[in-house]
Amino acid sequence: MGGQGNPIASGPFAFNAADSNGWRVRVDADVNGRLRATDRGLRRAFGQSAPTLPRKDQVATALDLDTYDLPPWNTTSSGLRNQVEGWVPANTAPGLHNRVHVWVGGDMLPSSSPNDPVFYLNHCNEDRIWAAWLQDNGSTYVPGQTASDTLRGHRIDDAMNALLSDPLTPRQMLDVDDFYNYDTLVVS
């Protein structure tokens, strides 16, 4: 996936200002998360904001959980959602998903993180972890549709916007085999 730097100078995503065919970042985010136009190279700073990447034992710990989520439905909640997202346990946060963003650094940190192809690898792995958990735990997604309106957008039948398809609901993602499958889901 290439190296690191500001901008990256080696690998397939290296930036060369004179090469109009080289990897270029065209949209980035300001300090408030607002997107803006730009024309520069990709930035990465490996390990500067987090000492390590997630480990297999951390994924296995998350997969051992039998509860998807619990009230109060926020970053302090226990369950798979926060374990995989990377908010709990607090003494090791950021973890799993968030830790990859923080460890890669640079363009993986702001809201424009899809500029970095590593973003897609990270999110595909999160989808794989979700599929593995579903395989062992079935459709135990919460909160249900009768949960408070303050949870709109997170309940099982609330629409989630998608870039490349019509909106989907969490319920529609409880069997990911309708969309994709993996050669293996085992964490070894």
C-alpha atoms as a PDB file:
ATOM      1  CA  MET A   1       0.000   0.000   0.000  1.00  0.00           C
ATOM      2  CA  GLY A   2       3.020   2.244  -0.136  1.00  0.00           C
ATOM      3  CA  GLY A   3       4.936   4.227   2.385  1.00  0.00           C
ATOM      4  CA  GLN A   4       4.393   7.243   4.524  1.00  0.00           C
ATOM      5  CA  GLY A   5       5.280  10.910   4.381  1.00  0.00           C
ATOM      6  CA  ASN A   6       3.894  14.332   3.624  1.00  0.00           C
ATOM      7  CA  PRO A   7       3.354  13.573   0.817  1.00  0.00           C
ATOM      8  CA  ILE A   8       4.012   9.861   0.312  1.00  0.00           C
ATOM      9  CA  ALA A   9       7.031   9.563  -1.972  1.00  0.00           C
ATOM     10  CA  SER A  10       7.188   5.790  -2.577  1.00  0.00           C
ATOM     11  CA  GLY A  11       4.880   2.990  -3.659  1.00  0.00           C
ATOM     12  CA  PRO A  12       1.773   2.968  -5.821  1.00  0.00           C
ATOM     13  CA  PHE A  13       0.240   6.032  -4.135  1.00  0.00           C
ATOM     14  CA  ALA A  14       3.322   8.230  -4.330  1.00  0.00           C
ATOM     15  CA  PHE A  15       2.846  11.861  -5.287  1.00  0.00           C
ATOM     16  CA  ASN A  16       4.788  13.590  -8.007  1.00  0.00           C
ATOM     17  CA  ALA A  17       3.683  17.177  -8.603  1.00  0.00           C
ATOM     18  CA  ALA A  18       4.889  16.995 -12.222  1.00  0.00           C
ATOM     19  CA  ASP A  19       2.959  13.790 -12.989  1.00  0.00           C
ATOM     20  CA  SER A  20      -0.711  14.457 -13.692  1.00  0.00           C
ATOM     21  CA  ASN A  21      -1.338  10.687 -13.582  1.00  0.00           C
ATOM     22  CA  GLY A  22       0.108  10.233 -10.078  1.00  0.00           C
ATOM     23  CA  TRP A  23      -2.012   9.738  -6.948  1.00  0.00           C
ATOM     24  CA  ARG A  24      -3.629  13.026  -6.007  1.00  0.00           C
ATOM     25  CA  VAL A  25      -5.907  14.027  -3.151  1.00  0.00           C
ATOM     26  CA  ARG A  26      -8.657  16.248  -4.578  1.00  0.00           C
ATOM     27  CA  VAL A  27     -10.849  16.693  -1.476  1.00  0.00           C
ATOM     28  CA  ASP A  28      -9.767  17.066   2.129  1.00  0.00           C
ATOM     29  CA  ALA A  29     -11.256  18.349   5.382  1.00  0.00           C
ATOM     30  CA  ASP A  30     -10.597  21.464   7.411  1.00  0.00           C
ATOM     31  CA  VAL A  31     -10.222  21.355  11.213  1.00  0.00           C
ATOM     32  CA  ASN A  32     -14.031  21.457  11.556  1.00  0.00           C
ATOM     33  CA  GLY A  33     -14.534  18.465   9.250  1.00  0.00           C
ATOM     34  CA  ARG A  34     -15.891  20.515   6.341  1.00  0.00           C
ATOM     35  CA  LEU A  35     -14.804  19.172   2.969  1.00  0.00           C
ATOM     36  CA  ARG A  36     -12.923  21.441   0.580  1.00  0.00           C
ATOM     37  CA  ALA A  37     -11.169  21.148  -2.772  1.00  0.00           C
ATOM     38  CA  THR A  38      -7.413  20.570  -2.849  1.00  0.00           C
ATOM     39  CA  ASP A  39      -4.719  19.177  -5.141  1.00  0.00           C
ATOM     40  CA  ARG A  40      -1.898  17.478  -3.238  1.00  0.00           C
ATOM     41  CA  GLY A  41      -0.328  14.162  -2.383  1.00  0.00           C
ATOM     42  CA  LEU A  42      -1.568  11.610   0.125  1.00  0.00           C
ATOM     43  CA  ARG A  43      -0.282  11.984   3.704  1.00  0.00           C
ATOM     44  CA  ARG A  44       0.518   9.198   6.167  1.00  0.00           C
ATOM     45  CA  ALA A  45       2.363   9.173   9.501  1.00  0.00           C
ATOM     46  CA  PHE A  46       2.605   5.551  10.673  1.00  0.00           C
ATOM     47  CA  GLY A  47       2.533   4.999  14.426  1.00  0.00           C
ATOM     48  CA  GLN A  48       2.822   8.642  15.448  1.00  0.00           C
ATOM     49  CA  SER A  49      -0.595   8.854  17.098  1.00  0.00           C
ATOM     50  CA  ALA A  50      -1.051   5.214  18.183  1.00  0.00           C
ATOM     51  CA  PRO A  51       1.788   2.832  19.066  1.00  0.00           C
ATOM     52  CA  THR A  52       0.407  -0.361  17.464  1.00  0.00           C
ATOM     53  CA  LEU A  53      -2.148  -1.737  15.069  1.00  0.00           C
ATOM     54  CA  PRO A  54      -4.948  -4.005  16.357  1.00  0.00           C
ATOM     55  CA  ARG A  55      -3.959  -7.589  17.195  1.00  0.00           C
ATOM     56  CA  LYS A  56      -5.701 -10.881  16.414  1.00  0.00           C
ATOM     57  CA  ASP A  57      -6.386 -11.498  20.096  1.00  0.00           C
ATOM     58  CA  GLN A  58      -8.280  -8.193  20.254  1.00  0.00           C
ATOM     59  CA  VAL A  59     -10.453  -9.269  17.312  1.00  0.00           C
ATOM     60  CA  ALA A  60     -11.020 -12.658  18.983  1.00  0.00           C
ATOM     61  CA  THR A  61     -12.082 -10.901  22.213  1.00  0.00           C
ATOM     62  CA  ALA A  62     -14.617  -8.841  20.284  1.00  0.00           C
ATOM     63  CA  LEU A  63     -15.948 -11.923  18.495  1.00  0.00           C
ATOM     64  CA  ASP A  64     -16.429 -13.682  21.851  1.00  0.00           C
ATOM     65  CA  LEU A  65     -19.013 -11.088  22.884  1.00  0.00           C
ATOM     66  CA  ASP A  66     -22.583 -12.309  22.579  1.00  0.00           C
ATOM     67  CA  THR A  67     -24.238  -8.885  22.849  1.00  0.00           C
ATOM     68  CA  TYR A  68     -24.272  -6.430  19.957  1.00  0.00           C
ATOM     69  CA  ASP A  69     -25.016  -3.307  22.005  1.00  0.00           C
ATOM     70  CA  LEU A  70     -26.595  -2.111  25.247  1.00  0.00           C
ATOM     71  CA  PRO A  71     -28.035   1.101  26.656  1.00  0.00           C
ATOM     72  CA  PRO A  72     -27.035   3.907  26.933  1.00  0.00           C
ATOM     73  CA  TRP A  73     -26.193   3.305  23.211  1.00  0.00           C
ATOM     74  CA  ASN A  74     -23.159   5.581  23.221  1.00  0.00           C
ATOM     75  CA  THR A  75     -19.369   5.303  23.408  1.00  0.00           C
ATOM     76  CA  THR A  76     -19.532   3.945  26.967  1.00  0.00           C
ATOM     77  CA  SER A  77     -21.791   1.003  26.048  1.00  0.00           C
ATOM     78  CA  SER A  78     -20.414  -2.515  26.194  1.00  0.00           C
ATOM     79  CA  GLY A  79     -20.958  -4.980  23.415  1.00  0.00           C
ATOM     80  CA  LEU A  80     -19.609  -5.718  19.975  1.00  0.00           C
ATOM     81  CA  ARG A  81     -20.403  -2.328  18.414  1.00  0.00           C
ATOM     82  CA  ASN A  82     -18.110  -0.331  20.665  1.00  0.00           C
ATOM     83  CA  GLN A  83     -15.475  -3.069  20.869  1.00  0.00           C
ATOM     84  CA  VAL A  84     -15.162  -3.170  17.080  1.00  0.00           C
ATOM     85  CA  GLU A  85     -15.519   0.568  16.595  1.00  0.00           C
ATOM     86  CA  GLY A  86     -12.773   1.081  19.098  1.00  0.00           C
ATOM     87  CA  TRP A  87     -14.241   2.992  22.038  1.00  0.00           C
ATOM     88  CA  VAL A  88     -14.077   0.240  24.675  1.00  0.00           C
ATOM     89  CA  PRO A  89     -12.367  -0.868  26.732  1.00  0.00           C
ATOM     90  CA  ALA A  90     -11.433   2.718  27.507  1.00  0.00           C
ATOM     91  CA  ASN A  91      -7.983   1.762  28.826  1.00  0.00           C
ATOM     92  CA  THR A  92      -6.953   0.520  25.361  1.00  0.00           C
ATOM     93  CA  ALA A  93      -8.957   2.915  23.163  1.00  0.00           C
ATOM     94  CA  PRO A  94      -8.697   3.605  20.377  1.00  0.00           C
ATOM     95  CA  GLY A  95      -9.069  -0.007  19.361  1.00  0.00           C
ATOM     96  CA  LEU A  96      -9.799  -2.112  16.269  1.00  0.00           C
ATOM     97  CA  HIS A  97     -11.400   0.153  13.609  1.00  0.00           C
ATOM     98  CA  ASN A  98     -10.405   3.484  15.163  1.00  0.00           C
ATOM     99  CA  ARG A  99      -6.864   2.339  15.908  1.00  0.00           C
ATOM    100  CA  VAL A 100      -6.143   1.689  12.220  1.00  0.00           C
ATOM    101  CA  HIS A 101      -7.233   5.231  11.351  1.00  0.00           C
ATOM    102  CA  VAL A 102      -5.120   6.689  14.148  1.00  0.00           C
ATOM    103  CA  TRP A 103      -2.060   4.466  13.525  1.00  0.00           C
ATOM    104  CA  VAL A 104      -1.929   5.242   9.778  1.00  0.00           C
ATOM    105  CA  GLY A 105      -2.432   8.928  10.565  1.00  0.00           C
ATOM    106  CA  GLY A 106      -2.257  11.695   7.990  1.00  0.00           C
ATOM    107  CA  ASP A 107      -5.240  11.540   5.659  1.00  0.00           C
ATOM    108  CA  MET A 108      -6.725   8.569   7.557  1.00  0.00           C
ATOM    109  CA  LEU A 109      -7.571  10.847  10.513  1.00  0.00           C
ATOM    110  CA  PRO A 110     -10.117  13.411   9.212  1.00  0.00           C
ATOM    111  CA  SER A 111     -13.533  12.987   7.635  1.00  0.00           C
ATOM    112  CA  SER A 112     -11.850  12.755   4.237  1.00  0.00           C
ATOM    113  CA  SER A 113     -10.177   9.450   5.223  1.00  0.00           C
ATOM    114  CA  PRO A 114     -11.528   7.664   2.107  1.00  0.00           C
ATOM    115  CA  ASN A 115      -8.728   9.498   0.256  1.00  0.00           C
ATOM    116  CA  ASP A 116      -6.393   6.766   1.522  1.00  0.00           C
ATOM    117  CA  PRO A 117      -6.861   3.309  -0.050  1.00  0.00           C
ATOM    118  CA  VAL A 118      -6.056   1.826   3.388  1.00  0.00           C
ATOM    119  CA  PHE A 119      -9.487   3.165   4.431  1.00  0.00           C
ATOM    120  CA  TYR A 120     -11.155   0.529   2.239  1.00  0.00           C
ATOM    121  CA  LEU A 121      -9.016  -2.313   3.571  1.00  0.00           C
ATOM    122  CA  ASN A 122      -9.855  -1.275   7.128  1.00  0.00           C
ATOM    123  CA  HIS A 123     -13.580  -1.111   6.423  1.00  0.00           C
ATOM    124  CA  CYS A 124     -13.600  -4.391   4.521  1.00  0.00           C
ATOM    125  CA  ASN A 125     -11.991  -6.006   7.560  1.00  0.00           C
ATOM    126  CA  GLU A 126     -14.657  -4.471   9.813  1.00  0.00           C
ATOM    127  CA  ASP A 127     -17.289  -5.972   7.511  1.00  0.00           C
ATOM    128  CA  ARG A 128     -15.524  -9.345   7.787  1.00  0.00           C
ATOM    129  CA  ILE A 129     -15.572  -9.125  11.582  1.00  0.00           C
ATOM    130  CA  TRP A 130     -19.293  -8.260  11.434  1.00  0.00           C
ATOM    131  CA  ALA A 131     -19.979 -11.281   9.192  1.00  0.00           C
ATOM    132  CA  ALA A 132     -18.033 -13.558  11.550  1.00  0.00           C
ATOM    133  CA  TRP A 133     -19.958 -12.263  14.576  1.00  0.00           C
ATOM    134  CA  LEU A 134     -23.291 -12.698  12.784  1.00  0.00           C
ATOM    135  CA  GLN A 135     -22.354 -16.275  11.926  1.00  0.00           C
ATOM    136  CA  ASP A 136     -22.055 -17.114  15.627  1.00  0.00           C
ATOM    137  CA  ASN A 137     -24.701 -14.798  17.086  1.00  0.00           C
ATOM    138  CA  GLY A 138     -27.420 -14.456  14.468  1.00  0.00           C
ATOM    139  CA  SER A 139     -29.644 -11.458  14.157  1.00  0.00           C
ATOM    140  CA  THR A 140     -29.421 -10.077  17.695  1.00  0.00           C
ATOM    141  CA  TYR A 141     -29.115  -6.474  16.514  1.00  0.00           C
ATOM    142  CA  VAL A 142     -30.342  -3.764  18.870  1.00  0.00           C
ATOM    143  CA  PRO A 143     -31.780  -1.191  19.276  1.00  0.00           C
ATOM    144  CA  GLY A 144     -35.118  -2.338  17.931  1.00  0.00           C
ATOM    145  CA  GLN A 145     -37.442  -0.111  15.957  1.00  0.00           C
ATOM    146  CA  THR A 146     -39.475   0.762  19.066  1.00  0.00           C
ATOM    147  CA  ALA A 147     -36.439   2.389  20.728  1.00  0.00           C
ATOM    148  CA  SER A 148     -36.505   6.116  21.421  1.00  0.00           C
ATOM    149  CA  ASP A 149     -36.592   8.518  18.481  1.00  0.00           C
ATOM    150  CA  THR A 150     -33.301   9.901  19.806  1.00  0.00           C
ATOM    151  CA  LEU A 151     -31.753   6.760  18.281  1.00  0.00           C
ATOM    152  CA  ARG A 152     -33.128   7.510  14.797  1.00  0.00           C
ATOM    153  CA  GLY A 153     -30.612   6.308  12.243  1.00  0.00           C
ATOM    154  CA  HIS A 154     -29.440   3.443  14.481  1.00  0.00           C
ATOM    155  CA  ARG A 155     -32.599   1.365  14.959  1.00  0.00           C
ATOM    156  CA  ILE A 156     -32.988  -1.900  13.070  1.00  0.00           C
ATOM    157  CA  ASP A 157     -35.313  -0.576  10.351  1.00  0.00           C
ATOM    158  CA  ASP A 158     -33.932   2.961  10.002  1.00  0.00           C
ATOM    159  CA  ALA A 159     -32.522   3.752   6.573  1.00  0.00           C
ATOM    160  CA  MET A 160     -28.750   4.110   6.243  1.00  0.00           C
ATOM    161  CA  ASN A 161     -27.587   6.206   3.308  1.00  0.00           C
ATOM    162  CA  ALA A 162     -25.209   4.507   0.907  1.00  0.00           C
ATOM    163  CA  LEU A 163     -22.953   5.959  -1.769  1.00  0.00           C
ATOM    164  CA  LEU A 164     -23.481   3.256  -4.378  1.00  0.00           C
ATOM    165  CA  SER A 165     -26.979   1.927  -3.698  1.00  0.00           C
ATOM    166  CA  ASP A 166     -30.388   2.843  -2.406  1.00  0.00           C
ATOM    167  CA  PRO A 167     -30.538   3.248   1.375  1.00  0.00           C
ATOM    168  CA  LEU A 168     -30.374   0.015   3.363  1.00  0.00           C
ATOM    169  CA  THR A 169     -31.417  -0.802   6.914  1.00  0.00           C
ATOM    170  CA  PRO A 170     -29.432  -2.656   9.580  1.00  0.00           C
ATOM    171  CA  ARG A 171     -31.982  -5.487   9.229  1.00  0.00           C
ATOM    172  CA  GLN A 172     -31.026  -5.880   5.560  1.00  0.00           C
ATOM    173  CA  MET A 173     -27.389  -6.325   6.604  1.00  0.00           C
ATOM    174  CA  LEU A 174     -28.053  -9.170   9.045  1.00  0.00           C
ATOM    175  CA  ASP A 175     -27.389 -11.634   6.242  1.00  0.00           C
ATOM    176  CA  VAL A 176     -24.451 -10.207   4.340  1.00  0.00           C
ATOM    177  CA  ASP A 177     -24.404 -13.250   2.045  1.00  0.00           C
ATOM    178  CA  ASP A 178     -26.996 -11.378  -0.007  1.00  0.00           C
ATOM    179  CA  PHE A 179     -24.269  -8.833  -0.809  1.00  0.00           C
ATOM    180  CA  TYR A 180     -20.878 -10.537  -0.452  1.00  0.00           C
ATOM    181  CA  ASN A 181     -19.073 -13.419   1.225  1.00  0.00           C
ATOM    182  CA  TYR A 182     -15.610 -14.210   2.500  1.00  0.00           C
ATOM    183  CA  ASP A 183     -13.292 -17.139   1.882  1.00  0.00           C
ATOM    184  CA  THR A 184     -12.759 -17.397   5.615  1.00  0.00           C
ATOM    185  CA  LEU A 185     -14.117 -15.711   8.707  1.00  0.00           C
ATOM    186  CA  VAL A 186     -11.854 -17.481  11.194  1.00  0.00           C
ATOM    187  CA  VAL A 187      -9.514 -15.337  13.256  1.00  0.00           C
ATOM    188  CA  SER A 188      -6.304 -17.334  13.688  1.00  0.00           C
END
